[in-house]
Amino acid sequence: MKKSIKVILIILIVLVIVVLVDTMQAKIFDNSPLIKIRYNRDGGNVDYIDKGIFVYTYVFTNGEKVTVYRWEKYAPPEEVSVDLEANKEQSFFGKVIESNQSYIIVEPNENEEIRKSSDKINIGLGEYNDALYEVGTNVKITYEGSIMESYPAQVEATKIEIKSAENFEILFKDRQPIDSYNKIYAILDKSETNKYDYTIYAYDGSVNIRIDGEEYSLKEALLQNKITMEEIIAKANKDFPDAEIYKDGGSMEYHYDNYTIIKYHTIDGNRDVYIGTKDMTINDLEI
């Protein structure tokens, strides 16, 4: 073997050993590699990154160091937090203002944070969707990832629920002797709206509702689409899975601590709802 080739081989072997030793000391002791290129960072808590042949060393503003192999997936803490926030599930409430089989457009409620980005959000329903959401339906949209800044804006929805609010509570006040209204009166007659084909009554008292901390009359809340009667009955079914079912076609009573809900479902087509005193029964209504 020629002397020149031997010299080249020796040099290459020495270089390999130096690189391996440099890599090992950097990885074991979280030191910057000696053979490196330094990249300074502006902002965040990473001061600079030393990029070696096989390792990267992240040097933080507080003096701490983290050394990783260059093929490892690693993000500094501030970048991790951003990624986690982007992938975190978020949600908002709104109303469907356009609907077809492939997408819906939702107008977020006034108090929703996402409304600062856009007053219209496009929600894709997927190629094989068979659900239809009527215009005017209140929905809760759960999504993850960032908001795509088009108009309407777009999000990647993970769940679509027909839902107006996260929390609501019926507030029933017993009728006082000085109250002038009838023992049974219509809170919302079916002739006043096209949303319901039945009438909602109060029995021996008045009915308000508290939605996410704000109080409204039940009539106001229903007409302003802040809640739906279907959601109230759905909650009652959840609260009382063993509620009594009458043999008149399926009418039901839901007895809470301070009020009762009766949802008629008779063979002759009566679907009216009554909200009244805690002792109210279907026999009191004399229908």
C-alpha atoms as a PDB file:
ATOM      1  CA  MET A   1       0.000   0.000   0.000  1.00  0.00           C
ATOM      2  CA  LYS A   2       1.371   3.394  -0.925  1.00  0.00           C
ATOM      3  CA  LYS A   3       2.403   5.657   1.885  1.00  0.00           C
ATOM      4  CA  SER A   4      -0.010   8.421   0.776  1.00  0.00           C
ATOM      5  CA  ILE A   5      -3.008   6.084   1.008  1.00  0.00           C
ATOM      6  CA  LYS A   6      -1.971   5.026   4.518  1.00  0.00           C
ATOM      7  CA  VAL A   7      -1.769   8.653   5.576  1.00  0.00           C
ATOM      8  CA  ILE A   8      -5.256   9.356   4.194  1.00  0.00           C
ATOM      9  CA  LEU A   9      -6.707   6.311   5.980  1.00  0.00           C
ATOM     10  CA  ILE A  10      -5.073   7.324   9.245  1.00  0.00           C
ATOM     11  CA  ILE A  11      -6.482  10.842   8.909  1.00  0.00           C
ATOM     12  CA  LEU A  12      -9.972   9.488   8.170  1.00  0.00           C
ATOM     13  CA  ILE A  13      -9.839   7.115  11.140  1.00  0.00           C
ATOM     14  CA  VAL A  14      -8.694   9.931  13.424  1.00  0.00           C
ATOM     15  CA  LEU A  15     -11.523  12.160  12.166  1.00  0.00           C
ATOM     16  CA  VAL A  16     -14.094   9.430  12.749  1.00  0.00           C
ATOM     17  CA  ILE A  17     -12.788   8.870  16.276  1.00  0.00           C
ATOM     18  CA  VAL A  18     -12.823  12.598  17.006  1.00  0.00           C
ATOM     19  CA  VAL A  19     -16.397  12.925  15.745  1.00  0.00           C
ATOM     20  CA  LEU A  20     -17.561   9.898  17.755  1.00  0.00           C
ATOM     21  CA  VAL A  21     -15.842  11.114  20.935  1.00  0.00           C
ATOM     22  CA  ASP A  22     -17.239  14.603  20.412  1.00  0.00           C
ATOM     23  CA  THR A  23     -20.746  13.175  19.889  1.00  0.00           C
ATOM     24  CA  MET A  24     -20.502  10.956  22.973  1.00  0.00           C
ATOM     25  CA  GLN A  25     -19.288  13.708  25.292  1.00  0.00           C
ATOM     26  CA  ALA A  26     -22.032  16.061  24.047  1.00  0.00           C
ATOM     27  CA  LYS A  27     -24.793  13.471  24.486  1.00  0.00           C
ATOM     28  CA  ILE A  28     -23.613  12.118  27.842  1.00  0.00           C
ATOM     29  CA  PHE A  29     -22.886  15.466  29.498  1.00  0.00           C
ATOM     30  CA  ASP A  30     -25.372  17.709  27.608  1.00  0.00           C
ATOM     31  CA  ASN A  31     -22.426  19.670  26.271  1.00  0.00           C
ATOM     32  CA  SER A  32     -22.314  21.465  22.982  1.00  0.00           C
ATOM     33  CA  PRO A  33     -20.358  19.531  20.336  1.00  0.00           C
ATOM     34  CA  LEU A  34     -16.915  20.919  19.549  1.00  0.00           C
ATOM     35  CA  ILE A  35     -17.515  20.575  15.826  1.00  0.00           C
ATOM     36  CA  LYS A  36     -20.615  22.700  15.354  1.00  0.00           C
ATOM     37  CA  ILE A  37     -22.412  25.605  13.755  1.00  0.00           C
ATOM     38  CA  ARG A  38     -24.180  27.962  16.182  1.00  0.00           C
ATOM     39  CA  TYR A  39     -27.643  29.367  15.429  1.00  0.00           C
ATOM     40  CA  ASN A  40     -28.803  32.215  17.671  1.00  0.00           C
ATOM     41  CA  ARG A  41     -32.527  32.464  18.469  1.00  0.00           C
ATOM     42  CA  ASP A  42     -34.459  35.690  18.905  1.00  0.00           C
ATOM     43  CA  GLY A  43     -37.313  35.444  21.396  1.00  0.00           C
ATOM     44  CA  GLY A  44     -38.584  32.421  23.296  1.00  0.00           C
ATOM     45  CA  ASN A  45     -36.616  30.640  25.996  1.00  0.00           C
ATOM     46  CA  VAL A  46     -33.983  29.111  23.665  1.00  0.00           C
ATOM     47  CA  ASP A  47     -30.826  31.258  23.562  1.00  0.00           C
ATOM     48  CA  TYR A  48     -29.056  29.363  20.748  1.00  0.00           C
ATOM     49  CA  ILE A  49     -28.708  25.941  19.112  1.00  0.00           C
ATOM     50  CA  ASP A  50     -25.330  24.298  18.469  1.00  0.00           C
ATOM     51  CA  LYS A  51     -25.710  21.963  15.510  1.00  0.00           C
ATOM     52  CA  GLY A  52     -23.046  19.266  15.313  1.00  0.00           C
ATOM     53  CA  ILE A  53     -22.588  16.444  12.818  1.00  0.00           C
ATOM     54  CA  PHE A  54     -24.699  13.955  14.765  1.00  0.00           C
ATOM     55  CA  VAL A  55     -26.145  15.983  17.666  1.00  0.00           C
ATOM     56  CA  TYR A  56     -27.935  19.267  18.327  1.00  0.00           C
ATOM     57  CA  THR A  57     -27.549  21.063  21.658  1.00  0.00           C
ATOM     58  CA  TYR A  58     -30.311  23.467  22.727  1.00  0.00           C
ATOM     59  CA  VAL A  59     -29.029  26.103  25.170  1.00  0.00           C
ATOM     60  CA  PHE A  60     -31.820  27.869  27.074  1.00  0.00           C
ATOM     61  CA  THR A  61     -31.826  31.408  28.438  1.00  0.00           C
ATOM     62  CA  ASN A  62     -31.742  30.022  31.985  1.00  0.00           C
ATOM     63  CA  GLY A  63     -28.452  28.197  31.243  1.00  0.00           C
ATOM     64  CA  GLU A  64     -29.924  24.694  30.937  1.00  0.00           C
ATOM     65  CA  LYS A  65     -28.926  22.484  28.001  1.00  0.00           C
ATOM     66  CA  VAL A  66     -30.554  19.613  26.148  1.00  0.00           C
ATOM     67  CA  THR A  67     -28.584  17.529  23.643  1.00  0.00           C
ATOM     68  CA  VAL A  68     -30.372  15.251  21.205  1.00  0.00           C
ATOM     69  CA  TYR A  69     -29.418  13.239  18.142  1.00  0.00           C
ATOM     70  CA  ARG A  70     -30.249  15.184  15.020  1.00  0.00           C
ATOM     71  CA  TRP A  71     -32.662  12.475  13.861  1.00  0.00           C
ATOM     72  CA  GLU A  72     -34.654  12.614  17.106  1.00  0.00           C
ATOM     73  CA  LYS A  73     -37.949  14.517  17.101  1.00  0.00           C
ATOM     74  CA  TYR A  74     -37.552  17.286  19.642  1.00  0.00           C
ATOM     75  CA  ALA A  75     -39.105  20.703  20.147  1.00  0.00           C
ATOM     76  CA  PRO A  76     -38.093  23.208  22.835  1.00  0.00           C
ATOM     77  CA  PRO A  77     -40.659  23.728  25.622  1.00  0.00           C
ATOM     78  CA  GLU A  78     -42.143  26.894  24.146  1.00  0.00           C
ATOM     79  CA  GLU A  79     -42.667  25.137  20.811  1.00  0.00           C
ATOM     80  CA  VAL A  80     -44.186  22.107  22.561  1.00  0.00           C
ATOM     81  CA  SER A  81     -46.710  24.332  24.311  1.00  0.00           C
ATOM     82  CA  VAL A  82     -47.739  25.881  21.014  1.00  0.00           C
ATOM     83  CA  ASP A  83     -48.159  22.457  19.447  1.00  0.00           C
ATOM     84  CA  LEU A  84     -50.213  21.222  22.381  1.00  0.00           C
ATOM     85  CA  GLU A  85     -52.471  24.262  22.168  1.00  0.00           C
ATOM     86  CA  ALA A  86     -52.964  23.724  18.430  1.00  0.00           C
ATOM     87  CA  ASN A  87     -53.966  20.101  18.971  1.00  0.00           C
ATOM     88  CA  LYS A  88     -56.116  20.757  22.030  1.00  0.00           C
ATOM     89  CA  GLU A  89     -59.841  20.256  21.489  1.00  0.00           C
ATOM     90  CA  GLN A  90     -61.830  23.491  21.650  1.00  0.00           C
ATOM     91  CA  SER A  91     -65.509  24.203  21.198  1.00  0.00           C
ATOM     92  CA  PHE A  92     -68.012  26.951  20.511  1.00  0.00           C
ATOM     93  CA  PHE A  93     -71.785  27.406  20.310  1.00  0.00           C
ATOM     94  CA  GLY A  94     -73.571  28.890  17.336  1.00  0.00           C
ATOM     95  CA  LYS A  95     -76.470  28.713  14.890  1.00  0.00           C
ATOM     96  CA  VAL A  96     -76.604  26.975  11.520  1.00  0.00           C
ATOM     97  CA  ILE A  97     -77.162  29.621   8.832  1.00  0.00           C
ATOM     98  CA  GLU A  98     -76.483  27.459   5.762  1.00  0.00           C
ATOM     99  CA  SER A  99     -76.762  23.708   5.377  1.00  0.00           C
ATOM    100  CA  ASN A 100     -76.331  21.015   2.767  1.00  0.00           C
ATOM    101  CA  GLN A 101     -75.170  17.417   2.736  1.00  0.00           C
ATOM    102  CA  SER A 102     -71.450  18.192   2.521  1.00  0.00           C
ATOM    103  CA  TYR A 103     -71.042  21.158   4.891  1.00  0.00           C
ATOM    104  CA  ILE A 104     -72.770  23.578   7.231  1.00  0.00           C
ATOM    105  CA  ILE A 105     -71.964  27.210   7.944  1.00  0.00           C
ATOM    106  CA  VAL A 106     -72.330  28.204  11.582  1.00  0.00           C
ATOM    107  CA  GLU A 107     -72.589  31.709  12.998  1.00  0.00           C
ATOM    108  CA  PRO A 108     -70.852  31.657  16.424  1.00  0.00           C
ATOM    109  CA  ASN A 109     -72.716  33.241  19.330  1.00  0.00           C
ATOM    110  CA  GLU A 110     -71.734  36.817  20.151  1.00  0.00           C
ATOM    111  CA  ASN A 111     -69.757  35.851  23.279  1.00  0.00           C
ATOM    112  CA  GLU A 112     -67.670  33.127  21.605  1.00  0.00           C
ATOM    113  CA  GLU A 113     -63.905  33.704  21.288  1.00  0.00           C
ATOM    114  CA  ILE A 114     -63.839  32.239  17.765  1.00  0.00           C
ATOM    115  CA  ARG A 115     -66.106  35.065  16.575  1.00  0.00           C
ATOM    116  CA  LYS A 116     -63.070  37.368  16.797  1.00  0.00           C
ATOM    117  CA  SER A 117     -61.664  35.385  13.859  1.00  0.00           C
ATOM    118  CA  SER A 118     -64.862  35.211  11.800  1.00  0.00           C
ATOM    119  CA  ASP A 119     -68.637  35.532  12.098  1.00  0.00           C
ATOM    120  CA  LYS A 120     -69.072  32.502   9.815  1.00  0.00           C
ATOM    121  CA  ILE A 121     -67.412  29.095  10.248  1.00  0.00           C
ATOM    122  CA  ASN A 122     -67.518  26.415   7.563  1.00  0.00           C
ATOM    123  CA  ILE A 123     -67.814  22.881   8.977  1.00  0.00           C
ATOM    124  CA  GLY A 124     -67.211  19.990   6.581  1.00  0.00           C
ATOM    125  CA  LEU A 125     -69.527  17.026   7.137  1.00  0.00           C
ATOM    126  CA  GLY A 126     -67.495  14.388   5.315  1.00  0.00           C
ATOM    127  CA  GLU A 127     -68.072  12.533   2.088  1.00  0.00           C
ATOM    128  CA  TYR A 128     -70.388   9.914   3.542  1.00  0.00           C
ATOM    129  CA  ASN A 129     -72.374  12.132   5.923  1.00  0.00           C
ATOM    130  CA  ASP A 130     -76.113  11.428   6.080  1.00  0.00           C
ATOM    131  CA  ALA A 131     -77.016  13.884   8.874  1.00  0.00           C
ATOM    132  CA  LEU A 132     -78.908  17.041   7.974  1.00  0.00           C
ATOM    133  CA  TYR A 133     -78.843  20.155  10.150  1.00  0.00           C
ATOM    134  CA  GLU A 134     -81.719  22.567   9.532  1.00  0.00           C
ATOM    135  CA  VAL A 135     -81.020  26.276   9.197  1.00  0.00           C
ATOM    136  CA  GLY A 136     -81.634  27.893  12.595  1.00  0.00           C
ATOM    137  CA  THR A 137     -80.506  24.846  14.582  1.00  0.00           C
ATOM    138  CA  ASN A 138     -78.346  25.592  17.625  1.00  0.00           C
ATOM    139  CA  VAL A 139     -75.157  23.526  17.639  1.00  0.00           C
ATOM    140  CA  LYS A 140     -72.039  22.973  19.687  1.00  0.00           C
ATOM    141  CA  ILE A 141     -68.963  22.490  17.500  1.00  0.00           C
ATOM    142  CA  THR A 142     -65.931  20.737  18.970  1.00  0.00           C
ATOM    143  CA  TYR A 143     -62.777  21.052  16.891  1.00  0.00           C
ATOM    144  CA  GLU A 144     -59.029  20.697  17.056  1.00  0.00           C
ATOM    145  CA  GLY A 145     -56.185  22.388  15.263  1.00  0.00           C
ATOM    146  CA  SER A 146     -56.023  25.953  14.077  1.00  0.00           C
ATOM    147  CA  ILE A 147     -58.642  28.127  12.410  1.00  0.00           C
ATOM    148  CA  MET A 148     -58.170  28.374   8.643  1.00  0.00           C
ATOM    149  CA  GLU A 149     -58.344  32.060   7.811  1.00  0.00           C
ATOM    150  CA  SER A 150     -60.626  31.935   4.772  1.00  0.00           C
ATOM    151  CA  TYR A 151     -64.110  33.450   4.570  1.00  0.00           C
ATOM    152  CA  PRO A 152     -66.060  31.756   5.901  1.00  0.00           C
ATOM    153  CA  ALA A 153     -63.303  30.523   8.203  1.00  0.00           C
ATOM    154  CA  GLN A 154     -62.889  26.742   8.522  1.00  0.00           C
ATOM    155  CA  VAL A 155     -62.143  24.348  11.392  1.00  0.00           C
ATOM    156  CA  GLU A 156     -61.616  20.593  11.587  1.00  0.00           C
ATOM    157  CA  ALA A 157     -64.664  19.504  13.595  1.00  0.00           C
ATOM    158  CA  THR A 158     -64.410  16.370  15.741  1.00  0.00           C
ATOM    159  CA  LYS A 159     -67.994  16.525  17.024  1.00  0.00           C
ATOM    160  CA  ILE A 160     -71.225  18.299  16.081  1.00  0.00           C
ATOM    161  CA  GLU A 161     -73.972  18.382  18.730  1.00  0.00           C
ATOM    162  CA  ILE A 162     -77.442  19.898  18.547  1.00  0.00           C
ATOM    163  CA  LYS A 163     -77.043  21.942  21.687  1.00  0.00           C
ATOM    164  CA  SER A 164     -77.609  25.588  22.675  1.00  0.00           C
ATOM    165  CA  ALA A 165     -75.672  25.891  25.936  1.00  0.00           C
ATOM    166  CA  GLU A 166     -73.370  23.960  28.234  1.00  0.00           C
ATOM    167  CA  ASN A 167     -75.413  24.560  31.382  1.00  0.00           C
ATOM    168  CA  PHE A 168     -79.015  25.558  32.016  1.00  0.00           C
ATOM    169  CA  GLU A 169     -81.432  25.368  34.952  1.00  0.00           C
ATOM    170  CA  ILE A 170     -85.216  25.739  35.152  1.00  0.00           C
ATOM    171  CA  LEU A 171     -86.239  28.296  37.797  1.00  0.00           C
ATOM    172  CA  PHE A 172     -89.831  27.753  38.945  1.00  0.00           C
ATOM    173  CA  LYS A 173     -91.569  30.188  41.265  1.00  0.00           C
ATOM    174  CA  ASP A 174     -94.837  29.132  42.930  1.00  0.00           C
ATOM    175  CA  ARG A 175     -97.861  31.321  42.256  1.00  0.00           C
ATOM    176  CA  GLN A 176     -98.603  33.704  45.113  1.00  0.00           C
ATOM    177  CA  PRO A 177    -102.184  34.539  46.222  1.00  0.00           C
ATOM    178  CA  ILE A 178    -101.785  38.086  44.894  1.00  0.00           C
ATOM    179  CA  ASP A 179    -100.761  36.898  41.428  1.00  0.00           C
ATOM    180  CA  SER A 180    -103.441  37.717  38.880  1.00  0.00           C
ATOM    181  CA  TYR A 181    -102.718  35.155  36.157  1.00  0.00           C
ATOM    182  CA  ASN A 182    -104.621  31.890  35.794  1.00  0.00           C
ATOM    183  CA  LYS A 183    -103.481  28.701  37.457  1.00  0.00           C
ATOM    184  CA  ILE A 184    -102.640  27.323  34.011  1.00  0.00           C
ATOM    185  CA  TYR A 185    -101.441  29.728  31.315  1.00  0.00           C
ATOM    186  CA  ALA A 186     -99.515  29.426  28.070  1.00  0.00           C
ATOM    187  CA  ILE A 187     -95.841  30.328  28.302  1.00  0.00           C
ATOM    188  CA  LEU A 188     -95.527  29.972  24.538  1.00  0.00           C
ATOM    189  CA  ASP A 189     -98.523  29.157  22.351  1.00  0.00           C
ATOM    190  CA  LYS A 190     -97.801  27.135  19.231  1.00  0.00           C
ATOM    191  CA  SER A 191     -99.471  29.909  17.210  1.00  0.00           C
ATOM    192  CA  GLU A 192     -96.681  32.328  18.241  1.00  0.00           C
ATOM    193  CA  THR A 193     -93.848  30.432  16.558  1.00  0.00           C
ATOM    194  CA  ASN A 194     -93.205  27.906  13.822  1.00  0.00           C
ATOM    195  CA  LYS A 195     -90.594  26.163  15.981  1.00  0.00           C
ATOM    196  CA  TYR A 196     -93.083  24.045  17.909  1.00  0.00           C
ATOM    197  CA  ASP A 197     -96.281  22.273  16.957  1.00  0.00           C
ATOM    198  CA  TYR A 198     -97.366  22.199  20.603  1.00  0.00           C
ATOM    199  CA  THR A 199     -97.974  24.704  23.404  1.00  0.00           C
ATOM    200  CA  ILE A 200     -95.815  25.095  26.532  1.00  0.00           C
ATOM    201  CA  TYR A 201     -97.759  25.852  29.712  1.00  0.00           C
ATOM    202  CA  ALA A 202     -96.990  26.943  33.287  1.00  0.00           C
ATOM    203  CA  TYR A 203     -99.001  25.376  36.110  1.00  0.00           C
ATOM    204  CA  ASP A 204     -99.552  27.332  39.333  1.00  0.00           C
ATOM    205  CA  GLY A 205     -96.412  29.445  38.994  1.00  0.00           C
ATOM    206  CA  SER A 206     -93.963  31.213  36.685  1.00  0.00           C
ATOM    207  CA  VAL A 207     -91.009  29.757  34.802  1.00  0.00           C
ATOM    208  CA  ASN A 208     -87.610  31.307  34.125  1.00  0.00           C
ATOM    209  CA  ILE A 209     -84.401  29.659  32.983  1.00  0.00           C
ATOM    210  CA  ARG A 210     -80.753  30.299  33.819  1.00  0.00           C
ATOM    211  CA  ILE A 211     -78.391  29.669  30.894  1.00  0.00           C
ATOM    212  CA  ASP A 212     -74.636  29.801  31.550  1.00  0.00           C
ATOM    213  CA  GLY A 213     -75.247  32.182  34.453  1.00  0.00           C
ATOM    214  CA  GLU A 214     -77.733  34.505  32.681  1.00  0.00           C
ATOM    215  CA  GLU A 215     -81.438  34.458  33.646  1.00  0.00           C
ATOM    216  CA  TYR A 216     -84.311  34.803  31.153  1.00  0.00           C
ATOM    217  CA  SER A 217     -88.024  34.137  31.086  1.00  0.00           C
ATOM    218  CA  LEU A 218     -88.553  30.759  29.455  1.00  0.00           C
ATOM    219  CA  LYS A 219     -90.579  32.366  26.680  1.00  0.00           C
ATOM    220  CA  GLU A 220     -87.794  34.858  25.933  1.00  0.00           C
ATOM    221  CA  ALA A 221     -85.171  32.119  25.881  1.00  0.00           C
ATOM    222  CA  LEU A 222     -87.198  29.928  23.525  1.00  0.00           C
ATOM    223  CA  LEU A 223     -88.106  32.723  21.107  1.00  0.00           C
ATOM    224  CA  GLN A 224     -84.538  34.061  21.020  1.00  0.00           C
ATOM    225  CA  ASN A 225     -83.236  30.561  20.302  1.00  0.00           C
ATOM    226  CA  LYS A 226     -81.090  30.531  23.442  1.00  0.00           C
ATOM    227  CA  ILE A 227     -82.447  27.085  24.321  1.00  0.00           C
ATOM    228  CA  THR A 228     -84.908  24.642  22.806  1.00  0.00           C
ATOM    229  CA  MET A 229     -87.696  22.674  24.428  1.00  0.00           C
ATOM    230  CA  GLU A 230     -86.163  19.529  22.957  1.00  0.00           C
ATOM    231  CA  GLU A 231     -82.977  20.154  24.954  1.00  0.00           C
ATOM    232  CA  ILE A 232     -84.981  20.676  28.150  1.00  0.00           C
ATOM    233  CA  ILE A 233     -86.850  17.389  27.627  1.00  0.00           C
ATOM    234  CA  ALA A 234     -83.643  15.598  26.650  1.00  0.00           C
ATOM    235  CA  LYS A 235     -82.067  16.713  29.928  1.00  0.00           C
ATOM    236  CA  ALA A 236     -85.153  15.526  31.837  1.00  0.00           C
ATOM    237  CA  ASN A 237     -84.883  12.115  30.153  1.00  0.00           C
ATOM    238  CA  LYS A 238     -81.234  11.973  31.185  1.00  0.00           C
ATOM    239  CA  ASP A 239     -81.983  13.094  34.748  1.00  0.00           C
ATOM    240  CA  PHE A 240     -84.848  10.594  35.133  1.00  0.00           C
ATOM    241  CA  PRO A 241     -84.099   7.503  33.029  1.00  0.00           C
ATOM    242  CA  ASP A 242     -86.802   5.592  34.967  1.00  0.00           C
ATOM    243  CA  ALA A 243     -89.517   8.249  34.744  1.00  0.00           C
ATOM    244  CA  GLU A 244     -93.091   6.987  34.683  1.00  0.00           C
ATOM    245  CA  ILE A 245     -94.563   6.475  31.210  1.00  0.00           C
ATOM    246  CA  TYR A 246     -98.371   6.693  30.924  1.00  0.00           C
ATOM    247  CA  LYS A 247    -100.352   4.272  28.835  1.00  0.00           C
ATOM    248  CA  ASP A 248    -102.040   7.117  26.947  1.00  0.00           C
ATOM    249  CA  GLY A 249     -99.469   6.892  24.181  1.00  0.00           C
ATOM    250  CA  GLY A 250     -96.312   7.709  26.127  1.00  0.00           C
ATOM    251  CA  SER A 251     -96.808  10.849  28.244  1.00  0.00           C
ATOM    252  CA  MET A 252     -94.123  11.285  30.913  1.00  0.00           C
ATOM    253  CA  GLU A 253     -93.644  13.072  34.250  1.00  0.00           C
ATOM    254  CA  TYR A 254     -90.290  14.343  35.523  1.00  0.00           C
ATOM    255  CA  HIS A 255     -90.349  15.309  39.210  1.00  0.00           C
ATOM    256  CA  TYR A 256     -87.532  17.620  40.313  1.00  0.00           C
ATOM    257  CA  ASP A 257     -87.053  18.916  43.854  1.00  0.00           C
ATOM    258  CA  ASN A 258     -89.019  22.116  43.291  1.00  0.00           C
ATOM    259  CA  TYR A 259     -90.900  21.655  40.022  1.00  0.00           C
ATOM    260  CA  THR A 260     -92.320  19.032  37.658  1.00  0.00           C
ATOM    261  CA  ILE A 261     -92.258  18.749  33.871  1.00  0.00           C
ATOM    262  CA  ILE A 262     -95.034  16.827  32.116  1.00  0.00           C
ATOM    263  CA  LYS A 263     -94.560  16.030  28.423  1.00  0.00           C
ATOM    264  CA  TYR A 264     -97.736  14.811  26.784  1.00  0.00           C
ATOM    265  CA  HIS A 265     -97.553  12.171  24.090  1.00  0.00           C
ATOM    266  CA  THR A 266    -101.064  10.881  23.635  1.00  0.00           C
ATOM    267  CA  ILE A 267    -102.638   8.657  21.028  1.00  0.00           C
ATOM    268  CA  ASP A 268    -104.834  11.540  19.856  1.00  0.00           C
ATOM    269  CA  GLY A 269    -101.784  13.695  19.092  1.00  0.00           C
ATOM    270  CA  ASN A 270    -101.415  15.935  22.155  1.00  0.00           C
ATOM    271  CA  ARG A 271     -97.721  16.911  22.514  1.00  0.00           C
ATOM    272  CA  ASP A 272     -98.083  19.868  24.941  1.00  0.00           C
ATOM    273  CA  VAL A 273     -95.602  20.505  27.778  1.00  0.00           C
ATOM    274  CA  TYR A 274     -96.474  21.630  31.310  1.00  0.00           C
ATOM    275  CA  ILE A 275     -94.030  22.978  33.878  1.00  0.00           C
ATOM    276  CA  GLY A 276     -95.481  23.316  37.355  1.00  0.00           C
ATOM    277  CA  THR A 277     -95.268  22.657  41.071  1.00  0.00           C
ATOM    278  CA  LYS A 278     -93.257  19.757  42.415  1.00  0.00           C
ATOM    279  CA  ASP A 279     -96.465  17.893  43.348  1.00  0.00           C
ATOM    280  CA  MET A 280     -98.156  18.368  39.974  1.00  0.00           C
ATOM    281  CA  THR A 281     -99.339  15.192  38.229  1.00  0.00           C
ATOM    282  CA  ILE A 282    -101.027  14.549  34.939  1.00  0.00           C
ATOM    283  CA  ASN A 283    -104.318  14.132  36.847  1.00  0.00           C
ATOM    284  CA  ASP A 284    -104.176  17.774  37.977  1.00  0.00           C
ATOM    285  CA  LEU A 285    -104.356  19.043  34.420  1.00  0.00           C
ATOM    286  CA  GLU A 286    -107.827  17.616  33.648  1.00  0.00           C
ATOM    287  CA  ILE A 287    -107.250  17.502  29.938  1.00  0.00           C
END
